[in-house]
Amino acid sequence: MNFDIVVVGAGASGISAALTASECGAKVVLLEKGDKFGGAGMFGAQGLFCG
C-alpha cells in the first residue's frame, strides 16, 4: 500500500489533518490504536461521544 500521508492518531487534530489532506487530493491513511476516536479532545467533551 502506498500513501502520500500517514496520520497517526484519530483525535481532533488527526482527523482534521487527514480530512484536509484528502480533500486536497492526497492519498491518506489514518491510524488509531484504540477502539474509539477522540484523543485528548474527549476530555473536554465529558463523555459526549459514547459508543
Protein backbone atom coordinates (compact mmCIF):
# COMPACT_ATOMS: atom_id res chain seq x y z
CA MET A 1 0.00 0.00 0.00
CA ASN A 2 1.24 3.47 -0.86
CA PHE A 3 0.07 6.68 0.76
CA ASP A 4 1.07 10.31 0.40
CA ILE A 5 0.33 11.00 4.08
CA VAL A 6 0.12 8.78 7.15
CA VAL A 7 -1.73 10.29 10.11
CA VAL A 8 -1.24 8.57 13.47
CA GLY A 9 -3.99 9.21 15.98
CA ALA A 10 -7.69 9.79 15.40
CA GLY A 11 -8.07 12.75 17.71
CA ALA A 12 -9.47 16.08 16.60
CA SER A 13 -6.17 17.17 15.05
CA GLY A 14 -5.52 13.85 13.34
CA ILE A 15 -8.98 13.64 11.83
CA SER A 16 -8.77 17.27 10.67
CA ALA A 17 -5.35 16.71 9.10
CA ALA A 18 -6.47 13.54 7.33
CA LEU A 19 -9.65 15.14 6.01
CA THR A 20 -7.88 18.27 4.79
CA ALA A 21 -5.14 16.28 3.05
CA SER A 22 -7.72 14.01 1.43
CA GLU A 23 -9.76 16.96 0.18
CA CYS A 24 -6.56 18.35 -1.36
CA GLY A 25 -6.11 15.15 -3.34
CA ALA A 26 -3.60 13.24 -1.19
CA LYS A 27 -3.93 9.51 -0.63
CA VAL A 28 -4.25 9.32 3.16
CA VAL A 29 -4.33 6.60 5.79
CA LEU A 30 -5.49 7.39 9.35
CA LEU A 31 -4.25 5.01 12.05
CA GLU A 32 -5.66 4.71 15.57
CA LYS A 33 -4.57 2.13 18.13
CA GLY A 34 -7.63 2.45 20.33
CA ASP A 35 -11.13 1.17 19.70
CA LYS A 36 -12.58 4.71 19.85
CA PHE A 37 -11.61 8.04 18.32
CA GLY A 38 -11.26 11.30 20.17
CA GLY A 39 -7.84 11.64 21.76
CA ALA A 40 -7.35 14.46 24.26
CA GLY A 41 -10.40 16.24 22.83
CA MET A 42 -12.58 13.68 24.58
CA PHE A 43 -11.64 15.14 27.97
CA GLY A 44 -13.42 18.37 27.07
CA ALA A 45 -16.44 16.53 25.70
CA GLN A 46 -17.17 15.00 29.14
CA GLY A 47 -18.27 11.70 27.57
CA LEU A 48 -20.44 13.32 24.93
CA PHE A 49 -19.30 10.75 22.34
CA CYS A 50 -20.23 7.36 23.73
CA GLY A 51 -20.03 4.25 21.69
